[in-house]
Structure formats: structure tokens, C-alpha cells
PDB file of all heavy atoms in Angstrom:
ATOM      1  N   GLY A   1      86.513  88.215  96.260  1.00  0.00           N
ATOM      2  CA  GLY A   1      85.214  88.856  96.132  1.00  0.00           C
ATOM      3  C   GLY A   1      84.266  88.511  97.280  1.00  0.00           C
ATOM      4  O   GLY A   1      83.325  89.262  97.569  1.00  0.00           O
ATOM      5  N   ARG A   2      84.525  87.396  97.953  1.00  0.00           N
ATOM      6  CA  ARG A   2      83.677  87.009  99.083  1.00  0.00           C
ATOM      7  C   ARG A   2      83.776  88.004 100.228  1.00  0.00           C
ATOM      8  O   ARG A   2      82.840  88.157 101.006  1.00  0.00           O
ATOM      9  CB  ARG A   2      84.075  85.618  99.579  1.00  0.00           C
ATOM     10  CG  ARG A   2      83.933  84.520  98.529  1.00  0.00           C
ATOM     11  CD  ARG A   2      84.414  83.187  99.054  1.00  0.00           C
ATOM     12  NE  ARG A   2      84.341  82.139  98.028  1.00  0.00           N
ATOM     13  CZ  ARG A   2      84.714  80.875  98.222  1.00  0.00           C
ATOM     14  NH1 ARG A   2      85.180  80.507  99.406  1.00  0.00           N
ATOM     15  NH2 ARG A   2      84.619  79.986  97.248  1.00  0.00           N
ATOM     16  N   TYR A   3      84.922  88.668 100.318  1.00  0.00           N
ATOM     17  CA  TYR A   3      85.107  89.652 101.394  1.00  0.00           C
ATOM     18  C   TYR A   3      84.106  90.801 101.273  1.00  0.00           C
ATOM     19  O   TYR A   3      83.618  91.321 102.282  1.00  0.00           O
ATOM     20  CB  TYR A   3      86.527  90.195 101.364  1.00  0.00           C
ATOM     21  CG  TYR A   3      86.739  91.373 102.278  1.00  0.00           C
ATOM     22  CD1 TYR A   3      86.820  91.196 103.660  1.00  0.00           C
ATOM     23  CD2 TYR A   3      86.859  92.671 101.770  1.00  0.00           C
ATOM     24  CE1 TYR A   3      87.001  92.282 104.510  1.00  0.00           C
ATOM     25  CE2 TYR A   3      87.041  93.754 102.610  1.00  0.00           C
ATOM     26  CZ  TYR A   3      87.109  93.555 103.977  1.00  0.00           C
ATOM     27  OH  TYR A   3      87.289  94.623 104.820  1.00  0.00           O
ATOM     28  N   LEU A   4      83.776  91.175 100.051  1.00  0.00           N
ATOM     29  CA  LEU A   4      82.861  92.282  99.853  1.00  0.00           C
ATOM     30  C   LEU A   4      81.454  91.942 100.339  1.00  0.00           C
ATOM     31  O   LEU A   4      80.715  92.837 100.769  1.00  0.00           O
ATOM     32  CB  LEU A   4      82.813  92.661  98.357  1.00  0.00           C
ATOM     33  CG  LEU A   4      84.158  93.071  97.742  1.00  0.00           C
ATOM     34  CD1 LEU A   4      83.994  93.346  96.245  1.00  0.00           C
ATOM     35  CD2 LEU A   4      84.727  94.274  98.448  1.00  0.00           C
ATOM     36  N   ASP A   5      81.085  90.665 100.308  1.00  0.00           N
ATOM     37  CA  ASP A   5      79.751  90.251 100.761  1.00  0.00           C
ATOM     38  C   ASP A   5      79.689  90.054 102.263  1.00  0.00           C
ATOM     39  O   ASP A   5      78.665  90.349 102.892  1.00  0.00           O
ATOM     40  CB  ASP A   5      79.341  88.961 100.054  1.00  0.00           C
ATOM     41  CG  ASP A   5      79.249  89.124  98.546  1.00  0.00           C
ATOM     42  OD1 ASP A   5      78.857  90.229  98.108  1.00  0.00           O
ATOM     43  OD2 ASP A   5      79.581  88.185  97.812  1.00  0.00           O
ATOM     44  N   ALA A   6      80.772  89.561 102.859  1.00  0.00           N
ATOM     45  CA  ALA A   6      80.769  89.289 104.306  1.00  0.00           C
ATOM     46  C   ALA A   6      82.158  89.603 104.862  1.00  0.00           C
ATOM     47  O   ALA A   6      82.955  88.702 105.098  1.00  0.00           O
ATOM     48  CB  ALA A   6      80.399  87.834 104.557  1.00  0.00           C
ATOM     49  N   PRO A   7      82.465  90.882 105.094  1.00  0.00           N
ATOM     50  CA  PRO A   7      83.816  91.275 105.526  1.00  0.00           C
ATOM     51  C   PRO A   7      84.266  90.610 106.820  1.00  0.00           C
ATOM     52  O   PRO A   7      85.393  90.102 106.908  1.00  0.00           O
ATOM     53  CB  PRO A   7      83.695  92.795 105.696  1.00  0.00           C
ATOM     54  CG  PRO A   7      82.563  93.186 104.794  1.00  0.00           C
ATOM     55  CD  PRO A   7      81.604  92.048 104.870  1.00  0.00           C
ATOM     56  N   ASP A   8      83.427  90.586 107.836  1.00  0.00           N
ATOM     57  CA  ASP A   8      83.840  90.025 109.119  1.00  0.00           C
ATOM     58  C   ASP A   8      84.031  88.513 109.057  1.00  0.00           C
ATOM     59  O   ASP A   8      84.762  87.942 109.858  1.00  0.00           O
ATOM     60  CB  ASP A   8      82.819  90.375 110.203  1.00  0.00           C
ATOM     61  CG  ASP A   8      83.227  91.603 110.993  1.00  0.00           C
ATOM     62  OD1 ASP A   8      84.438  91.914 111.005  1.00  0.00           O
ATOM     63  OD2 ASP A   8      82.350  92.276 111.559  1.00  0.00           O
ATOM     64  N   GLU A   9      83.385  87.864 108.131  1.00  0.00           N
ATOM     65  CA  GLU A   9      83.501  86.403 108.025  1.00  0.00           C
ATOM     66  C   GLU A   9      84.814  85.998 107.381  1.00  0.00           C
ATOM     67  O   GLU A   9      85.427  84.997 107.783  1.00  0.00           O
ATOM     68  CB  GLU A   9      82.318  85.855 107.225  1.00  0.00           C
ATOM     69  CG  GLU A   9      82.383  84.336 107.036  1.00  0.00           C
ATOM     70  CD  GLU A   9      81.222  83.811 106.222  1.00  0.00           C
ATOM     71  OE1 GLU A   9      80.267  84.583 105.986  1.00  0.00           O
ATOM     72  OE2 GLU A   9      81.273  82.644 105.823  1.00  0.00           O
ATOM     73  N   TRP A  10      85.280  86.767 106.385  1.00  0.00           N
ATOM     74  CA  TRP A  10      86.435  86.347 105.616  1.00  0.00           C
ATOM     75  C   TRP A  10      87.743  87.033 106.026  1.00  0.00           C
ATOM     76  O   TRP A  10      88.760  86.362 106.201  1.00  0.00           O
ATOM     77  CB  TRP A  10      86.180  86.588 104.124  1.00  0.00           C
ATOM     78  CG  TRP A  10      85.075  85.731 103.610  1.00  0.00           C
ATOM     79  CD1 TRP A  10      83.781  86.104 103.361  1.00  0.00           C
ATOM     80  CD2 TRP A  10      85.136  84.334 103.345  1.00  0.00           C
ATOM     81  NE1 TRP A  10      83.034  85.042 102.935  1.00  0.00           N
ATOM     82  CE2 TRP A  10      83.845  83.932 102.924  1.00  0.00           C
ATOM     83  CE3 TRP A  10      86.137  83.371 103.413  1.00  0.00           C
ATOM     84  CZ2 TRP A  10      83.544  82.613 102.562  1.00  0.00           C
ATOM     85  CZ3 TRP A  10      85.843  82.066 103.064  1.00  0.00           C
ATOM     86  CH2 TRP A  10      84.569  81.691 102.654  1.00  0.00           C
ATOM     87  N   LEU A  11      87.726  88.347 106.205  1.00  0.00           N
ATOM     88  CA  LEU A  11      88.951  89.066 106.592  1.00  0.00           C
ATOM     89  C   LEU A  11      88.609  90.100 107.662  1.00  0.00           C
ATOM     90  O   LEU A  11      88.623  91.306 107.404  1.00  0.00           O
ATOM     91  CB  LEU A  11      89.596  89.746 105.378  1.00  0.00           C
ATOM     92  CG  LEU A  11      90.143  88.854 104.268  1.00  0.00           C
ATOM     93  CD1 LEU A  11      90.597  89.696 103.076  1.00  0.00           C
ATOM     94  CD2 LEU A  11      91.283  87.980 104.774  1.00  0.00           C
ATOM     95  N   PRO A  12      88.344  89.644 108.872  1.00  0.00           N
ATOM     96  CA  PRO A  12      87.948  90.589 109.932  1.00  0.00           C
ATOM     97  C   PRO A  12      89.027  91.613 110.243  1.00  0.00           C
ATOM     98  O   PRO A  12      88.713  92.755 110.598  1.00  0.00           O
ATOM     99  CB  PRO A  12      87.660  89.681 111.136  1.00  0.00           C
ATOM    100  CG  PRO A  12      88.357  88.387 110.834  1.00  0.00           C
ATOM    101  CD  PRO A  12      88.325  88.254 109.356  1.00  0.00           C
ATOM    102  N   SER A  13      90.292  91.229 110.125  1.00  0.00           N
ATOM    103  CA  SER A  13      91.368  92.190 110.426  1.00  0.00           C
ATOM    104  C   SER A  13      91.355  93.363 109.448  1.00  0.00           C
ATOM    105  O   SER A  13      91.657  94.499 109.826  1.00  0.00           O
ATOM    106  CB  SER A  13      92.729  91.495 110.383  1.00  0.00           C
ATOM    107  OG  SER A  13      93.019  91.002 109.085  1.00  0.00           O
ATOM    108  N   LEU A  14      90.996  93.109 108.207  1.00  0.00           N
ATOM    109  CA  LEU A  14      90.912  94.186 107.218  1.00  0.00           C
ATOM    110  C   LEU A  14      89.677  95.034 107.454  1.00  0.00           C
ATOM    111  O   LEU A  14      89.707  96.255 107.307  1.00  0.00           O
ATOM    112  CB  LEU A  14      90.892  93.596 105.795  1.00  0.00           C
ATOM    113  CG  LEU A  14      90.793  94.595 104.646  1.00  0.00           C
ATOM    114  CD1 LEU A  14      91.963  95.583 104.680  1.00  0.00           C
ATOM    115  CD2 LEU A  14      90.745  93.871 103.302  1.00  0.00           C
ATOM    116  N   ASN A  15      88.611  94.402 107.845  1.00  0.00           N
ATOM    117  CA  ASN A  15      87.364  95.132 108.099  1.00  0.00           C
ATOM    118  C   ASN A  15      87.527  96.127 109.241  1.00  0.00           C
ATOM    119  O   ASN A  15      86.850  97.161 109.267  1.00  0.00           O
ATOM    120  CB  ASN A  15      86.236  94.148 108.409  1.00  0.00           C
ATOM    121  CG  ASN A  15      84.878  94.809 108.428  1.00  0.00           C
ATOM    122  OD1 ASN A  15      84.597  95.695 107.626  1.00  0.00           O
ATOM    123  ND2 ASN A  15      84.024  94.375 109.340  1.00  0.00           N
ATOM    124  N   ARG A  16      88.437  95.839 110.189  1.00  0.00           N
ATOM    125  CA  ARG A  16      88.648  96.719 111.346  1.00  0.00           C
ATOM    126  C   ARG A  16      89.960  97.502 111.232  1.00  0.00           C
ATOM    127  O   ARG A  16      90.403  98.094 112.213  1.00  0.00           O
ATOM    128  CB  ARG A  16      88.666  95.887 112.638  1.00  0.00           C
ATOM    129  CG  ARG A  16      87.463  94.978 112.845  1.00  0.00           C
ATOM    130  CD  ARG A  16      86.168  95.754 112.903  1.00  0.00           C
ATOM    131  NE  ARG A  16      85.001  94.884 113.020  1.00  0.00           N
ATOM    132  CZ  ARG A  16      83.750  95.291 112.940  1.00  0.00           C
ATOM    133  NH1 ARG A  16      83.506  96.583 112.747  1.00  0.00           N
ATOM    134  NH2 ARG A  16      82.747  94.437 113.053  1.00  0.00           N
ATOM    135  N   ALA A  17      90.566  97.501 110.054  1.00  0.00           N
ATOM    136  CA  ALA A  17      91.876  98.131 109.895  1.00  0.00           C
ATOM    137  C   ALA A  17      91.840  99.630 110.128  1.00  0.00           C
ATOM    138  O   ALA A  17      92.844 100.228 110.521  1.00  0.00           O
ATOM    139  CB  ALA A  17      92.436  97.844 108.500  1.00  0.00           C
ATOM    140  N   ASN A  18      90.677 100.261 109.917  1.00  0.00           N
ATOM    141  CA  ASN A  18      90.584 101.705 110.092  1.00  0.00           C
ATOM    142  C   ASN A  18      90.351 102.113 111.547  1.00  0.00           C
ATOM    143  O   ASN A  18      90.211 103.306 111.850  1.00  0.00           O
ATOM    144  CB  ASN A  18      89.473 102.283 109.213  1.00  0.00           C
ATOM    145  CG  ASN A  18      88.119 101.652 109.503  1.00  0.00           C
ATOM    146  OD1 ASN A  18      87.998 100.832 110.411  1.00  0.00           O
ATOM    147  ND2 ASN A  18      87.126 102.040 108.741  1.00  0.00           N
ATOM    148  N   GLY A  19      90.334 101.138 112.446  1.00  0.00           N
ATOM    149  CA  GLY A  19      90.177 101.438 113.865  1.00  0.00           C
ATOM    150  C   GLY A  19      88.772 101.745 114.300  1.00  0.00           C
ATOM    151  O   GLY A  19      88.548 102.152 115.450  1.00  0.00           O
ATOM    152  N   SER A  20      87.812 101.554 113.416  1.00  0.00           N
ATOM    153  CA  SER A  20      86.419 101.838 113.742  1.00  0.00           C
ATOM    154  C   SER A  20      85.653 100.549 113.999  1.00  0.00           C
ATOM    155  O   SER A  20      86.006  99.495 113.476  1.00  0.00           O
ATOM    156  CB  SER A  20      85.771 102.624 112.594  1.00  0.00           C
ATOM    157  OG  SER A  20      84.388 102.768 112.812  1.00  0.00           O
ATOM    158  N   THR A  21      84.596 100.641 114.795  1.00  0.00           N
ATOM    159  CA  THR A  21      83.752  99.461 115.045  1.00  0.00           C
ATOM    160  C   THR A  21      82.748  99.260 113.924  1.00  0.00           C
ATOM    161  O   THR A  21      82.093  98.219 113.863  1.00  0.00           O
ATOM    162  CB  THR A  21      83.003  99.635 116.381  1.00  0.00           C
ATOM    163  OG1 THR A  21      82.240 100.849 116.337  1.00  0.00           O
ATOM    164  CG2 THR A  21      83.980  99.682 117.542  1.00  0.00           C
ATOM    165  N   ARG A  22      82.629 100.257 113.076  1.00  0.00           N
ATOM    166  CA  ARG A  22      81.712 100.156 111.954  1.00  0.00           C
ATOM    167  C   ARG A  22      82.359  99.388 110.809  1.00  0.00           C
ATOM    168  O   ARG A  22      83.577  99.313 110.685  1.00  0.00           O
ATOM    169  CB  ARG A  22      81.308 101.550 111.468  1.00  0.00           C
ATOM    170  CG  ARG A  22      80.617 102.387 112.536  1.00  0.00           C
ATOM    171  CD  ARG A  22      80.293 103.766 112.022  1.00  0.00           C
ATOM    172  NE  ARG A  22      79.396 103.704 110.870  1.00  0.00           N
ATOM    173  CZ  ARG A  22      78.998 104.786 110.186  1.00  0.00           C
ATOM    174  NH1 ARG A  22      79.457 105.983 110.529  1.00  0.00           N
ATOM    175  NH2 ARG A  22      78.163 104.658 109.160  1.00  0.00           N
ATOM    176  N   GLN A  23      81.525  98.794 109.978  1.00  0.00           N
ATOM    177  CA  GLN A  23      82.021  98.030 108.832  1.00  0.00           C
ATOM    178  C   GLN A  23      82.729  98.960 107.854  1.00  0.00           C
ATOM    179  O   GLN A  23      82.341 100.116 107.678  1.00  0.00           O
ATOM    180  CB  GLN A  23      80.850  97.310 108.149  1.00  0.00           C
ATOM    181  CG  GLN A  23      81.273  96.445 106.968  1.00  0.00           C
ATOM    182  CD  GLN A  23      80.129  95.591 106.467  1.00  0.00           C
ATOM    183  OE1 GLN A  23      79.610  94.773 107.206  1.00  0.00           O
ATOM    184  NE2 GLN A  23      79.729  95.806 105.222  1.00  0.00           N
ATOM    185  N   GLN A  24      83.767  98.441 107.225  1.00  0.00           N
ATOM    186  CA  GLN A  24      84.530  99.211 106.254  1.00  0.00           C
ATOM    187  C   GLN A  24      83.625  99.669 105.112  1.00  0.00           C
ATOM    188  O   GLN A  24      82.790  98.903 104.623  1.00  0.00           O
ATOM    189  CB  GLN A  24      85.682  98.356 105.705  1.00  0.00           C
ATOM    190  CG  GLN A  24      86.719  99.112 104.902  1.00  0.00           C
ATOM    191  CD  GLN A  24      87.833  98.196 104.412  1.00  0.00           C
ATOM    192  OE1 GLN A  24      87.569  97.071 103.981  1.00  0.00           O
ATOM    193  NE2 GLN A  24      89.064  98.659 104.487  1.00  0.00           N
ATOM    194  N   ARG A  25      83.804 100.917 104.697  1.00  0.00           N
ATOM    195  CA  ARG A  25      82.986 101.440 103.612  1.00  0.00           C
ATOM    196  C   ARG A  25      83.221 100.646 102.331  1.00  0.00           C
ATOM    197  O   ARG A  25      84.311 100.143 102.074  1.00  0.00           O
ATOM    198  CB  ARG A  25      83.307 102.920 103.385  1.00  0.00           C
ATOM    199  CG  ARG A  25      82.910 103.818 104.542  1.00  0.00           C
ATOM    200  CD  ARG A  25      83.338 105.243 104.281  1.00  0.00           C
ATOM    201  NE  ARG A  25      82.720 105.762 103.047  1.00  0.00           N
ATOM    202  CZ  ARG A  25      83.000 106.952 102.526  1.00  0.00           C
ATOM    203  NH1 ARG A  25      83.915 107.729 103.130  1.00  0.00           N
ATOM    204  NH2 ARG A  25      82.393 107.364 101.435  1.00  0.00           N
ATOM    205  N   THR A  26      82.162 100.539 101.515  1.00  0.00           N
ATOM    206  CA  THR A  26      82.217  99.706 100.318  1.00  0.00           C
ATOM    207  C   THR A  26      83.343 100.123  99.378  1.00  0.00           C
ATOM    208  O   THR A  26      84.101  99.287  98.883  1.00  0.00           O
ATOM    209  CB  THR A  26      80.883  99.760  99.568  1.00  0.00           C
ATOM    210  OG1 THR A  26      79.837  99.301 100.436  1.00  0.00           O
ATOM    211  CG2 THR A  26      80.919  98.893  98.322  1.00  0.00           C
ATOM    212  N   GLU A  27      83.467 101.447  99.119  1.00  0.00           N
ATOM    213  CA  GLU A  27      84.498 101.886  98.182  1.00  0.00           C
ATOM    214  C   GLU A  27      85.899 101.587  98.718  1.00  0.00           C
ATOM    215  O   GLU A  27      86.822 101.281  97.952  1.00  0.00           O
ATOM    216  CB  GLU A  27      84.357 103.373  97.875  1.00  0.00           C
ATOM    217  CG  GLU A  27      84.519 104.280  99.088  1.00  0.00           C
ATOM    218  CD  GLU A  27      84.443 105.747  98.722  1.00  0.00           C
ATOM    219  OE1 GLU A  27      83.956 106.057  97.616  1.00  0.00           O
ATOM    220  OE2 GLU A  27      84.865 106.578  99.545  1.00  0.00           O
ATOM    221  N   ARG A  28      86.053 101.622 100.031  1.00  0.00           N
ATOM    222  CA  ARG A  28      87.346 101.324 100.636  1.00  0.00           C
ATOM    223  C   ARG A  28      87.628  99.825 100.556  1.00  0.00           C
ATOM    224  O   ARG A  28      88.761  99.408 100.293  1.00  0.00           O
ATOM    225  CB  ARG A  28      87.353 101.796 102.080  1.00  0.00           C
ATOM    226  CG  ARG A  28      88.734 101.893 102.703  1.00  0.00           C
ATOM    227  CD  ARG A  28      88.691 102.757 103.923  1.00  0.00           C
ATOM    228  NE  ARG A  28      89.994 102.885 104.575  1.00  0.00           N
ATOM    229  CZ  ARG A  28      90.250 103.750 105.547  1.00  0.00           C
ATOM    230  NH1 ARG A  28      89.282 104.573 105.976  1.00  0.00           N
ATOM    231  NH2 ARG A  28      91.454 103.820 106.074  1.00  0.00           N
ATOM    232  N   SER A  29      86.591  99.028 100.758  1.00  0.00           N
ATOM    233  CA  SER A  29      86.742  97.578 100.638  1.00  0.00           C
ATOM    234  C   SER A  29      87.121  97.174  99.219  1.00  0.00           C
ATOM    235  O   SER A  29      87.999  96.329  98.998  1.00  0.00           O
ATOM    236  CB  SER A  29      85.439  96.869 101.037  1.00  0.00           C
ATOM    237  OG  SER A  29      85.084  97.155 102.362  1.00  0.00           O
ATOM    238  N   VAL A  30      86.441  97.773  98.250  1.00  0.00           N
ATOM    239  CA  VAL A  30      86.727  97.469  96.848  1.00  0.00           C
ATOM    240  C   VAL A  30      88.169  97.837  96.506  1.00  0.00           C
ATOM    241  O   VAL A  30      88.865  97.089  95.811  1.00  0.00           O
ATOM    242  CB  VAL A  30      85.732  98.209  95.923  1.00  0.00           C
ATOM    243  CG1 VAL A  30      86.174  98.086  94.460  1.00  0.00           C
ATOM    244  CG2 VAL A  30      84.328  97.654  96.108  1.00  0.00           C
ATOM    245  N   ALA A  31      88.634  98.985  96.983  1.00  0.00           N
ATOM    246  CA  ALA A  31      90.011  99.403  96.699  1.00  0.00           C
ATOM    247  C   ALA A  31      91.014  98.402  97.275  1.00  0.00           C
ATOM    248  O   ALA A  31      92.001  98.063  96.612  1.00  0.00           O
ATOM    249  CB  ALA A  31      90.250 100.795  97.276  1.00  0.00           C
ATOM    250  N   CYS A  32      90.762  97.933  98.490  1.00  0.00           N
ATOM    251  CA  CYS A  32      91.668  96.954  99.106  1.00  0.00           C
ATOM    252  C   CYS A  32      91.681  95.643  98.319  1.00  0.00           C
ATOM    253  O   CYS A  32      92.749  95.064  98.077  1.00  0.00           O
ATOM    254  CB  CYS A  32      91.238  96.695 100.558  1.00  0.00           C
ATOM    255  SG  CYS A  32      91.542  98.082 101.689  1.00  0.00           S
ATOM    256  N   VAL A  33      90.512  95.180  97.912  1.00  0.00           N
ATOM    257  CA  VAL A  33      90.427  93.931  97.154  1.00  0.00           C
ATOM    258  C   VAL A  33      91.125  94.079  95.800  1.00  0.00           C
ATOM    259  O   VAL A  33      91.869  93.171  95.375  1.00  0.00           O
ATOM    260  CB  VAL A  33      88.946  93.515  96.980  1.00  0.00           C
ATOM    261  CG1 VAL A  33      88.824  92.400  95.940  1.00  0.00           C
ATOM    262  CG2 VAL A  33      88.366  93.062  98.307  1.00  0.00           C
ATOM    263  N   GLN A  34      90.915  95.197  95.134  1.00  0.00           N
ATOM    264  CA  GLN A  34      91.548  95.405  93.847  1.00  0.00           C
ATOM    265  C   GLN A  34      93.076  95.462  93.967  1.00  0.00           C
ATOM    266  O   GLN A  34      93.797  94.927  93.128  1.00  0.00           O
ATOM    267  CB  GLN A  34      91.025  96.693  93.206  1.00  0.00           C
ATOM    268  CG  GLN A  34      89.586  96.604  92.717  1.00  0.00           C
ATOM    269  CD  GLN A  34      89.406  95.539  91.655  1.00  0.00           C
ATOM    270  OE1 GLN A  34      89.035  94.388  91.958  1.00  0.00           O
ATOM    271  NE2 GLN A  34      89.694  95.886  90.412  1.00  0.00           N
ATOM    272  N   LEU A  35      93.570  96.105  95.018  1.00  0.00           N
ATOM    273  CA  LEU A  35      95.015  96.181  95.221  1.00  0.00           C
ATOM    274  C   LEU A  35      95.593  94.812  95.576  1.00  0.00           C
ATOM    275  O   LEU A  35      96.699  94.465  95.144  1.00  0.00           O
ATOM    276  CB  LEU A  35      95.341  97.203  96.308  1.00  0.00           C
ATOM    277  CG  LEU A  35      96.804  97.660  96.383  1.00  0.00           C
ATOM    278  CD1 LEU A  35      97.264  98.252  95.057  1.00  0.00           C
ATOM    279  CD2 LEU A  35      96.991  98.683  97.499  1.00  0.00           C
ATOM    280  N   LEU A  36      94.840  94.034  96.338  1.00  0.00           N
ATOM    281  CA  LEU A  36      95.281  92.660  96.639  1.00  0.00           C
ATOM    282  C   LEU A  36      95.355  91.826  95.358  1.00  0.00           C
ATOM    283  O   LEU A  36      96.308  91.058  95.157  1.00  0.00           O
ATOM    284  CB  LEU A  36      94.327  92.010  97.631  1.00  0.00           C
ATOM    285  CG  LEU A  36      94.537  92.303  99.122  1.00  0.00           C
ATOM    286  CD1 LEU A  36      93.436  91.661  99.944  1.00  0.00           C
ATOM    287  CD2 LEU A  36      95.895  91.807  99.584  1.00  0.00           C
ATOM    288  N   ARG A  37      94.364  91.973  94.518  1.00  0.00           N
ATOM    289  CA  ARG A  37      94.358  91.200  93.272  1.00  0.00           C
ATOM    290  C   ARG A  37      95.535  91.591  92.381  1.00  0.00           C
ATOM    291  O   ARG A  37      96.165  90.740  91.752  1.00  0.00           O
ATOM    292  CB  ARG A  37      93.035  91.426  92.542  1.00  0.00           C
ATOM    293  CG  ARG A  37      91.870  90.652  93.148  1.00  0.00           C
ATOM    294  CD  ARG A  37      90.555  91.039  92.509  1.00  0.00           C
ATOM    295  NE  ARG A  37      89.466  90.164  92.961  1.00  0.00           N
ATOM    296  CZ  ARG A  37      88.183  90.443  92.834  1.00  0.00           C
ATOM    297  NH1 ARG A  37      87.803  91.587  92.282  1.00  0.00           N
ATOM    298  NH2 ARG A  37      87.274  89.598  93.270  1.00  0.00           N
ATOM    299  N   ALA A  38      95.834  92.895  92.307  1.00  0.00           N
ATOM    300  CA  ALA A  38      96.968  93.347  91.506  1.00  0.00           C
ATOM    301  C   ALA A  38      98.275  92.799  92.063  1.00  0.00           C
ATOM    302  O   ALA A  38      99.178  92.405  91.301  1.00  0.00           O
ATOM    303  CB  ALA A  38      97.006  94.877  91.476  1.00  0.00           C
ATOM    304  N   SER A  39      98.399  92.730  93.392  1.00  0.00           N
ATOM    305  CA  SER A  39      99.603  92.185  94.006  1.00  0.00           C
ATOM    306  C   SER A  39      99.721  90.694  93.754  1.00  0.00           C
ATOM    307  O   SER A  39     100.806  90.170  93.477  1.00  0.00           O
ATOM    308  CB  SER A  39      99.587  92.468  95.518  1.00  0.00           C
ATOM    309  OG  SER A  39      99.551  93.863  95.777  1.00  0.00           O
ATOM    310  N   LEU A  40      98.603  89.982  93.832  1.00  0.00           N
ATOM    311  CA  LEU A  40      98.617  88.544  93.583  1.00  0.00           C
ATOM    312  C   LEU A  40      99.012  88.220  92.154  1.00  0.00           C
ATOM    313  O   LEU A  40      99.617  87.169  91.869  1.00  0.00           O
ATOM    314  CB  LEU A  40      97.229  87.945  93.873  1.00  0.00           C
ATOM    315  CG  LEU A  40      96.841  87.829  95.348  1.00  0.00           C
ATOM    316  CD1 LEU A  40      95.370  87.491  95.484  1.00  0.00           C
ATOM    317  CD2 LEU A  40      97.701  86.780  96.044  1.00  0.00           C
ATOM    318  N   LYS A  41      98.687  89.114  91.237  1.00  0.00           N
ATOM    319  CA  LYS A  41      99.043  88.913  89.832  1.00  0.00           C
ATOM    320  C   LYS A  41     100.549  88.796  89.648  1.00  0.00           C
ATOM    321  O   LYS A  41     101.028  88.062  88.779  1.00  0.00           O
ATOM    322  CB  LYS A  41      98.494  90.094  89.006  1.00  0.00           C
ATOM    323  CG  LYS A  41      98.783  90.005  87.523  1.00  0.00           C
ATOM    324  CD  LYS A  41      98.199  91.195  86.794  1.00  0.00           C
ATOM    325  CE  LYS A  41      98.535  91.177  85.305  1.00  0.00           C
ATOM    326  NZ  LYS A  41      97.976  92.351  84.605  1.00  0.00           N
TER     327      LYS A  41
END
């Protein structure tokens, strides 16, 4: 959940995964975090 508050601080590679210099959109960030959590389960 910390990634959602500070993307570049915790997972910068994910924040730039879309090839843009702009920060990852919130809904896209949430989807990535949720999928990671499901995989960790």
C-alpha cells in the first residue's frame, strides 16, 4: 500500500513501466498492487 502513496520512492520501475515520464495513473497503480497481493497469497 505504500506504493500508492509514493510510487517513485518504493517501486520506481513499476511507476515507469508504461514508458511515460508521468506518474502511473491511480487506477492502474491500484490494479497492479491488487494483482501483486493476489499473487503473494
